[in-house]
Amino acid sequence: MHDYITVEELRACTTCNACVQECPVSINPLDIILQLRRQLVMEESNAPQEWNGMFSNVENNFAPWKFSPDDRDKWTEKA
């Protein structure tokens, strides 16, 4: 894979769907890009550093935030 497309190119895609609309042979390049991204993260553990914190939070707190599920609504309480 890395001989044909770089990690930077995969991450640069904004998933705007323009490639799918303009493809002259009616393939879905966006689906291929998303599968390659998934393979990077799941198989190679290659994700941007910013994402790793979010993945850890989702695993531990069931949400992308650092707050535990019990503390998420504390901001609604008056001080």
PDB file of N, CA and C in Angstrom:
ATOM      1  N   MET A   1       0.818  -1.185   0.000  1.00  0.00           N
ATOM      2  CA  MET A   1       0.000   0.000   0.000  1.00  0.00           C
ATOM      3  C   MET A   1       0.864   1.251   0.000  1.00  0.00           C
ATOM      4  N   HIS A   2       1.902   1.282   0.822  1.00  0.00           N
ATOM      5  CA  HIS A   2       2.700   2.497   0.976  1.00  0.00           C
ATOM      6  C   HIS A   2       3.512   2.833  -0.269  1.00  0.00           C
ATOM      7  N   ASP A   3       3.604   1.890  -1.213  1.00  0.00           N
ATOM      8  CA  ASP A   3       4.288   2.175  -2.472  1.00  0.00           C
ATOM      9  C   ASP A   3       3.425   3.005  -3.409  1.00  0.00           C
ATOM     10  N   TYR A   4       2.111   2.999  -3.208  1.00  0.00           N
ATOM     11  CA  TYR A   4       1.192   3.653  -4.122  1.00  0.00           C
ATOM     12  C   TYR A   4       0.565   4.918  -3.551  1.00  0.00           C
ATOM     13  N   ILE A   5       0.330   4.933  -2.258  1.00  0.00           N
ATOM     14  CA  ILE A   5      -0.301   6.098  -1.625  1.00  0.00           C
ATOM     15  C   ILE A   5       0.312   6.275  -0.241  1.00  0.00           C
ATOM     16  N   THR A   6       0.596   7.506   0.108  1.00  0.00           N
ATOM     17  CA  THR A   6       1.240   7.766   1.396  1.00  0.00           C
ATOM     18  C   THR A   6       0.189   7.982   2.487  1.00  0.00           C
ATOM     19  N   VAL A   7       0.630   7.861   3.710  1.00  0.00           N
ATOM     20  CA  VAL A   7      -0.243   8.108   4.852  1.00  0.00           C
ATOM     21  C   VAL A   7      -0.738   9.552   4.822  1.00  0.00           C
ATOM     22  N   GLU A   8       0.135  10.470   4.455  1.00  0.00           N
ATOM     23  CA  GLU A   8      -0.252  11.885   4.378  1.00  0.00           C
ATOM     24  C   GLU A   8      -1.356  12.098   3.352  1.00  0.00           C
ATOM     25  N   GLU A   9      -1.281  11.394   2.234  1.00  0.00           N
ATOM     26  CA  GLU A   9      -2.318  11.526   1.216  1.00  0.00           C
ATOM     27  C   GLU A   9      -3.652  10.972   1.713  1.00  0.00           C
ATOM     28  N   LEU A  10      -3.605   9.865   2.428  1.00  0.00           N
ATOM     29  CA  LEU A  10      -4.838   9.296   2.977  1.00  0.00           C
ATOM     30  C   LEU A  10      -5.488  10.235   3.979  1.00  0.00           C
ATOM     31  N   ARG A  11      -4.667  10.851   4.800  1.00  0.00           N
ATOM     32  CA  ARG A  11      -5.205  11.758   5.817  1.00  0.00           C
ATOM     33  C   ARG A  11      -5.615  13.105   5.253  1.00  0.00           C
ATOM     34  N   ALA A  12      -5.102  13.464   4.079  1.00  0.00           N
ATOM     35  CA  ALA A  12      -5.425  14.748   3.470  1.00  0.00           C
ATOM     36  C   ALA A  12      -6.815  14.748   2.847  1.00  0.00           C
ATOM     37  N   CYS A  13      -7.362  13.595   2.581  1.00  0.00           N
ATOM     38  CA  CYS A  13      -8.685  13.511   1.978  1.00  0.00           C
ATOM     39  C   CYS A  13      -9.721  14.088   2.941  1.00  0.00           C
ATOM     40  N   THR A  14     -10.568  14.972   2.425  1.00  0.00           N
ATOM     41  CA  THR A  14     -11.594  15.598   3.257  1.00  0.00           C
ATOM     42  C   THR A  14     -12.945  14.879   3.153  1.00  0.00           C
ATOM     43  N   THR A  15     -12.973  13.771   2.428  1.00  0.00           N
ATOM     44  CA  THR A  15     -14.184  12.974   2.199  1.00  0.00           C
ATOM     45  C   THR A  15     -15.324  13.830   1.652  1.00  0.00           C
ATOM     46  N   CYS A  16     -15.002  14.687   0.692  1.00  0.00           N
ATOM     47  CA  CYS A  16     -16.005  15.583   0.113  1.00  0.00           C
ATOM     48  C   CYS A  16     -16.865  14.892  -0.946  1.00  0.00           C
ATOM     49  N   ASN A  17     -16.468  13.691  -1.369  1.00  0.00           N
ATOM     50  CA  ASN A  17     -17.218  12.878  -2.330  1.00  0.00           C
ATOM     51  C   ASN A  17     -17.056  13.349  -3.774  1.00  0.00           C
ATOM     52  N   ALA A  18     -16.222  14.352  -4.036  1.00  0.00           N
ATOM     53  CA  ALA A  18     -16.026  14.851  -5.397  1.00  0.00           C
ATOM     54  C   ALA A  18     -15.393  13.781  -6.281  1.00  0.00           C
ATOM     55  N   CYS A  19     -14.495  12.977  -5.748  1.00  0.00           N
ATOM     56  CA  CYS A  19     -13.849  11.934  -6.547  1.00  0.00           C
ATOM     57  C   CYS A  19     -14.863  10.901  -7.028  1.00  0.00           C
ATOM     58  N   VAL A  20     -15.853  10.606  -6.205  1.00  0.00           N
ATOM     59  CA  VAL A  20     -16.886   9.640  -6.587  1.00  0.00           C
ATOM     60  C   VAL A  20     -17.742  10.209  -7.713  1.00  0.00           C
ATOM     61  N   GLN A  21     -18.088  11.473  -7.609  1.00  0.00           N
ATOM     62  CA  GLN A  21     -18.933  12.106  -8.627  1.00  0.00           C
ATOM     63  C   GLN A  21     -18.209  12.258  -9.965  1.00  0.00           C
ATOM     64  N   GLU A  22     -16.903  12.476  -9.925  1.00  0.00           N
ATOM     65  CA  GLU A  22     -16.141  12.739 -11.153  1.00  0.00           C
ATOM     66  C   GLU A  22     -15.461  11.505 -11.736  1.00  0.00           C
ATOM     67  N   CYS A  23     -15.502  10.371 -11.069  1.00  0.00           N
ATOM     68  CA  CYS A  23     -14.806   9.178 -11.547  1.00  0.00           C
ATOM     69  C   CYS A  23     -15.397   8.713 -12.891  1.00  0.00           C
ATOM     70  N   PRO A  24     -14.566   8.632 -13.931  1.00  0.00           N
ATOM     71  CA  PRO A  24     -15.082   8.273 -15.252  1.00  0.00           C
ATOM     72  C   PRO A  24     -15.436   6.795 -15.408  1.00  0.00           C
ATOM     73  N   VAL A  25     -14.960   5.939 -14.506  1.00  0.00           N
ATOM     74  CA  VAL A  25     -15.248   4.497 -14.624  1.00  0.00           C
ATOM     75  C   VAL A  25     -16.209   4.015 -13.535  1.00  0.00           C
ATOM     76  N   SER A  26     -16.837   4.937 -12.862  1.00  0.00           N
ATOM     77  CA  SER A  26     -17.879   4.650 -11.868  1.00  0.00           C
ATOM     78  C   SER A  26     -17.437   3.723 -10.736  1.00  0.00           C
ATOM     79  N   ILE A  27     -16.221   3.940 -10.254  1.00  0.00           N
ATOM     80  CA  ILE A  27     -15.816   3.243  -9.033  1.00  0.00           C
ATOM     81  C   ILE A  27     -15.981   4.218  -7.877  1.00  0.00           C
ATOM     82  N   ASN A  28     -15.816   3.728  -6.681  1.00  0.00           N
ATOM     83  CA  ASN A  28     -15.981   4.578  -5.504  1.00  0.00           C
ATOM     84  C   ASN A  28     -14.628   4.742  -4.822  1.00  0.00           C
ATOM     85  N   PRO A  29     -13.810   5.711  -5.253  1.00  0.00           N
ATOM     86  CA  PRO A  29     -12.499   5.896  -4.623  1.00  0.00           C
ATOM     87  C   PRO A  29     -12.591   6.258  -3.150  1.00  0.00           C
ATOM     88  N   LEU A  30     -13.664   6.919  -2.759  1.00  0.00           N
ATOM     89  CA  LEU A  30     -13.822   7.309  -1.359  1.00  0.00           C
ATOM     90  C   LEU A  30     -13.922   6.085  -0.458  1.00  0.00           C
ATOM     91  N   ASP A  31     -14.628   5.076  -0.903  1.00  0.00           N
ATOM     92  CA  ASP A  31     -14.732   3.842  -0.133  1.00  0.00           C
ATOM     93  C   ASP A  31     -13.357   3.199   0.050  1.00  0.00           C
ATOM     94  N   ILE A  32     -12.548   3.229  -0.989  1.00  0.00           N
ATOM     95  CA  ILE A  32     -11.190   2.675  -0.915  1.00  0.00           C
ATOM     96  C   ILE A  32     -10.357   3.466   0.079  1.00  0.00           C
ATOM     97  N   ILE A  33     -10.451   4.786   0.017  1.00  0.00           N
ATOM     98  CA  ILE A  33      -9.693   5.636   0.940  1.00  0.00           C
ATOM     99  C   ILE A  33     -10.100   5.363   2.383  1.00  0.00           C
ATOM    100  N   LEU A  34     -11.396   5.261   2.632  1.00  0.00           N
ATOM    101  CA  LEU A  34     -11.872   4.997   3.995  1.00  0.00           C
ATOM    102  C   LEU A  34     -11.421   3.629   4.494  1.00  0.00           C
ATOM    103  N   GLN A  35     -11.412   2.631   3.617  1.00  0.00           N
ATOM    104  CA  GLN A  35     -10.928   1.304   4.007  1.00  0.00           C
ATOM    105  C   GLN A  35      -9.436   1.335   4.305  1.00  0.00           C
ATOM    106  N   LEU A  36      -8.670   2.084   3.523  1.00  0.00           N
ATOM    107  CA  LEU A  36      -7.234   2.202   3.779  1.00  0.00           C
ATOM    108  C   LEU A  36      -6.972   2.931   5.093  1.00  0.00           C
ATOM    109  N   ARG A  37      -7.746   3.964   5.379  1.00  0.00           N
ATOM    110  CA  ARG A  37      -7.612   4.663   6.669  1.00  0.00           C
ATOM    111  C   ARG A  37      -7.925   3.723   7.832  1.00  0.00           C
ATOM    112  N   ARG A  38      -8.994   2.962   7.668  1.00  0.00           N
ATOM    113  CA  ARG A  38      -9.387   2.010   8.707  1.00  0.00           C
ATOM    114  C   ARG A  38      -8.274   0.991   8.944  1.00  0.00           C
ATOM    115  N   GLN A  39      -7.667   0.531   7.870  1.00  0.00           N
ATOM    116  CA  GLN A  39      -6.578  -0.432   7.976  1.00  0.00           C
ATOM    117  C   GLN A  39      -5.375   0.186   8.697  1.00  0.00           C
ATOM    118  N   LEU A  40      -5.094   1.457   8.418  1.00  0.00           N
ATOM    119  CA  LEU A  40      -3.998   2.143   9.107  1.00  0.00           C
ATOM    120  C   LEU A  40      -4.214   2.158  10.615  1.00  0.00           C
ATOM    121  N   VAL A  41      -5.405   2.511  11.021  1.00  0.00           N
ATOM    122  CA  VAL A  41      -5.688   2.656  12.451  1.00  0.00           C
ATOM    123  C   VAL A  41      -5.828   1.305  13.134  1.00  0.00           C
ATOM    124  N   MET A  42      -6.589   0.403  12.547  1.00  0.00           N
ATOM    125  CA  MET A  42      -6.902  -0.866  13.203  1.00  0.00           C
ATOM    126  C   MET A  42      -5.768  -1.897  13.124  1.00  0.00           C
ATOM    127  N   GLU A  43      -5.115  -1.991  11.980  1.00  0.00           N
ATOM    128  CA  GLU A  43      -4.099  -3.020  11.785  1.00  0.00           C
ATOM    129  C   GLU A  43      -2.684  -2.535  12.103  1.00  0.00           C
ATOM    130  N   GLU A  44      -2.385  -1.294  11.727  1.00  0.00           N
ATOM    131  CA  GLU A  44      -1.043  -0.771  11.916  1.00  0.00           C
ATOM    132  C   GLU A  44      -0.914   0.130  13.139  1.00  0.00           C
ATOM    133  N   SER A  45      -2.012   0.394  13.811  1.00  0.00           N
ATOM    134  CA  SER A  45      -2.027   1.313  14.966  1.00  0.00           C
ATOM    135  C   SER A  45      -1.376   2.645  14.614  1.00  0.00           C
ATOM    136  N   ASN A  46      -1.679   3.122  13.434  1.00  0.00           N
ATOM    137  CA  ASN A  46      -1.085   4.352  12.936  1.00  0.00           C
ATOM    138  C   ASN A  46      -2.169   5.425  12.860  1.00  0.00           C
ATOM    139  N   ALA A  47      -2.289   6.179  13.932  1.00  0.00           N
ATOM    140  CA  ALA A  47      -3.264   7.261  13.985  1.00  0.00           C
ATOM    141  C   ALA A  47      -2.547   8.529  14.427  1.00  0.00           C
ATOM    142  N   PRO A  48      -3.058   9.699  14.049  1.00  0.00           N
ATOM    143  CA  PRO A  48      -2.460  10.940  14.539  1.00  0.00           C
ATOM    144  C   PRO A  48      -2.500  10.983  16.069  1.00  0.00           C
ATOM    145  N   GLN A  49      -1.534  11.628  16.659  1.00  0.00           N
ATOM    146  CA  GLN A  49      -1.432  11.705  18.119  1.00  0.00           C
ATOM    147  C   GLN A  49      -2.694  12.273  18.748  1.00  0.00           C
ATOM    148  N   GLU A  50      -3.315  13.235  18.078  1.00  0.00           N
ATOM    149  CA  GLU A  50      -4.530  13.847  18.612  1.00  0.00           C
ATOM    150  C   GLU A  50      -5.664  12.834  18.740  1.00  0.00           C
ATOM    151  N   TRP A  51      -5.696  11.864  17.844  1.00  0.00           N
ATOM    152  CA  TRP A  51      -6.747  10.857  17.859  1.00  0.00           C
ATOM    153  C   TRP A  51      -6.563   9.856  18.976  1.00  0.00           C
ATOM    154  N   ASN A  52      -5.312   9.570  19.345  1.00  0.00           N
ATOM    155  CA  ASN A  52      -5.055   8.549  20.356  1.00  0.00           C
ATOM    156  C   ASN A  52      -5.692   8.900  21.692  1.00  0.00           C
ATOM    157  N   GLY A  53      -5.661  10.179  22.066  1.00  0.00           N
ATOM    158  CA  GLY A  53      -6.333  10.606  23.290  1.00  0.00           C
ATOM    159  C   GLY A  53      -7.829  10.367  23.220  1.00  0.00           C
ATOM    160  N   MET A  54      -8.416  10.677  22.071  1.00  0.00           N
ATOM    161  CA  MET A  54      -9.847  10.454  21.891  1.00  0.00           C
ATOM    162  C   MET A  54     -10.176   8.963  21.960  1.00  0.00           C
ATOM    163  N   PHE A  55      -9.367   8.132  21.299  1.00  0.00           N
ATOM    164  CA  PHE A  55      -9.601   6.683  21.339  1.00  0.00           C
ATOM    165  C   PHE A  55      -9.538   6.159  22.771  1.00  0.00           C
ATOM    166  N   SER A  56      -8.584   6.649  23.537  1.00  0.00           N
ATOM    167  CA  SER A  56      -8.454   6.237  24.934  1.00  0.00           C
ATOM    168  C   SER A  56      -9.671   6.670  25.746  1.00  0.00           C
ATOM    169  N   ASN A  57     -10.130   7.896  25.517  1.00  0.00           N
ATOM    170  CA  ASN A  57     -11.317   8.380  26.226  1.00  0.00           C
ATOM    171  C   ASN A  57     -12.553   7.574  25.871  1.00  0.00           C
ATOM    172  N   VAL A  58     -12.714   7.234  24.603  1.00  0.00           N
ATOM    173  CA  VAL A  58     -13.867   6.439  24.188  1.00  0.00           C
ATOM    174  C   VAL A  58     -13.813   5.065  24.855  1.00  0.00           C
ATOM    175  N   GLU A  59     -12.628   4.490  24.909  1.00  0.00           N
ATOM    176  CA  GLU A  59     -12.471   3.177  25.530  1.00  0.00           C
ATOM    177  C   GLU A  59     -12.759   3.215  27.028  1.00  0.00           C
ATOM    178  N   ASN A  60     -12.301   4.257  27.698  1.00  0.00           N
ATOM    179  CA  ASN A  60     -12.433   4.329  29.155  1.00  0.00           C
ATOM    180  C   ASN A  60     -13.710   5.003  29.637  1.00  0.00           C
ATOM    181  N   ASN A  61     -14.166   6.045  28.901  1.00  0.00           N
ATOM    182  CA  ASN A  61     -15.293   6.854  29.360  1.00  0.00           C
ATOM    183  C   ASN A  61     -16.532   6.729  28.478  1.00  0.00           C
ATOM    184  N   PHE A  62     -16.452   5.939  27.432  1.00  0.00           N
ATOM    185  CA  PHE A  62     -17.567   5.722  26.506  1.00  0.00           C
ATOM    186  C   PHE A  62     -17.973   6.992  25.768  1.00  0.00           C
ATOM    187  N   ALA A  63     -17.064   7.943  25.673  1.00  0.00           N
ATOM    188  CA  ALA A  63     -17.288   9.195  24.959  1.00  0.00           C
ATOM    189  C   ALA A  63     -15.928   9.826  24.687  1.00  0.00           C
ATOM    190  N   PRO A  64     -15.817  10.740  23.741  1.00  0.00           N
ATOM    191  CA  PRO A  64     -14.516  11.321  23.421  1.00  0.00           C
ATOM    192  C   PRO A  64     -13.987  12.311  24.457  1.00  0.00           C
ATOM    193  N   TRP A  65     -14.769  12.610  25.477  1.00  0.00           N
ATOM    194  CA  TRP A  65     -14.342  13.576  26.495  1.00  0.00           C
ATOM    195  C   TRP A  65     -13.652  12.870  27.649  1.00  0.00           C
ATOM    196  N   LYS A  66     -12.869  13.627  28.407  1.00  0.00           N
ATOM    197  CA  LYS A  66     -12.137  13.065  29.538  1.00  0.00           C
ATOM    198  C   LYS A  66     -13.001  12.850  30.769  1.00  0.00           C
ATOM    199  N   PHE A  67     -14.228  13.290  30.724  1.00  0.00           N
ATOM    200  CA  PHE A  67     -15.101  13.195  31.884  1.00  0.00           C
ATOM    201  C   PHE A  67     -15.704  11.806  31.990  1.00  0.00           C
ATOM    202  N   SER A  68     -15.826  11.310  33.196  1.00  0.00           N
ATOM    203  CA  SER A  68     -16.494  10.029  33.395  1.00  0.00           C
ATOM    204  C   SER A  68     -17.986  10.213  33.127  1.00  0.00           C
ATOM    205  N   PRO A  69     -18.689   9.147  32.813  1.00  0.00           N
ATOM    206  CA  PRO A  69     -20.130   9.284  32.546  1.00  0.00           C
ATOM    207  C   PRO A  69     -20.896   9.914  33.705  1.00  0.00           C
ATOM    208  N   ASP A  70     -20.447   9.686  34.925  1.00  0.00           N
ATOM    209  CA  ASP A  70     -21.145  10.238  36.088  1.00  0.00           C
ATOM    210  C   ASP A  70     -20.927  11.743  36.251  1.00  0.00           C
ATOM    211  N   ASP A  71     -19.828  12.274  35.710  1.00  0.00           N
ATOM    212  CA  ASP A  71     -19.494  13.684  35.893  1.00  0.00           C
ATOM    213  C   ASP A  71     -19.877  14.573  34.722  1.00  0.00           C
ATOM    214  N   ARG A  72     -20.432  14.038  33.667  1.00  0.00           N
ATOM    215  CA  ARG A  72     -20.694  14.818  32.462  1.00  0.00           C
ATOM    216  C   ARG A  72     -21.754  15.891  32.651  1.00  0.00           C
ATOM    217  N   ASP A  73     -22.695  15.673  33.548  1.00  0.00           N
ATOM    218  CA  ASP A  73     -23.753  16.672  33.711  1.00  0.00           C
ATOM    219  C   ASP A  73     -23.500  17.642  34.856  1.00  0.00           C
ATOM    220  N   LYS A  74     -22.328  17.611  35.435  1.00  0.00           N
ATOM    221  CA  LYS A  74     -22.002  18.489  36.576  1.00  0.00           C
ATOM    222  C   LYS A  74     -22.044  19.966  36.180  1.00  0.00           C
ATOM    223  N   TRP A  75     -21.795  20.272  34.909  1.00  0.00           N
ATOM    224  CA  TRP A  75     -21.769  21.673  34.486  1.00  0.00           C
ATOM    225  C   TRP A  75     -23.154  22.305  34.585  1.00  0.00           C
ATOM    226  N   THR A  76     -24.208  21.490  34.654  1.00  0.00           N
ATOM    227  CA  THR A  76     -25.549  22.051  34.723  1.00  0.00           C
ATOM    228  C   THR A  76     -25.927  22.504  36.140  1.00  0.00           C
ATOM    229  N   GLU A  77     -25.184  22.013  37.119  1.00  0.00           N
ATOM    230  CA  GLU A  77     -25.489  22.365  38.505  1.00  0.00           C
ATOM    231  C   GLU A  77     -24.966  23.762  38.825  1.00  0.00           C
ATOM    232  N   LYS A  78     -25.712  24.490  39.605  1.00  0.00           N
ATOM    233  CA  LYS A  78     -25.268  25.836  39.987  1.00  0.00           C
ATOM    234  C   LYS A  78     -24.209  25.730  41.060  1.00  0.00           C
ATOM    235  N   ALA A  79     -23.290  26.655  41.005  1.00  0.00           N
ATOM    236  CA  ALA A  79     -22.180  26.660  41.978  1.00  0.00           C
ATOM    237  C   ALA A  79     -22.591  27.207  43.309  1.00  0.00           C
TER     238      ALA A  79
END
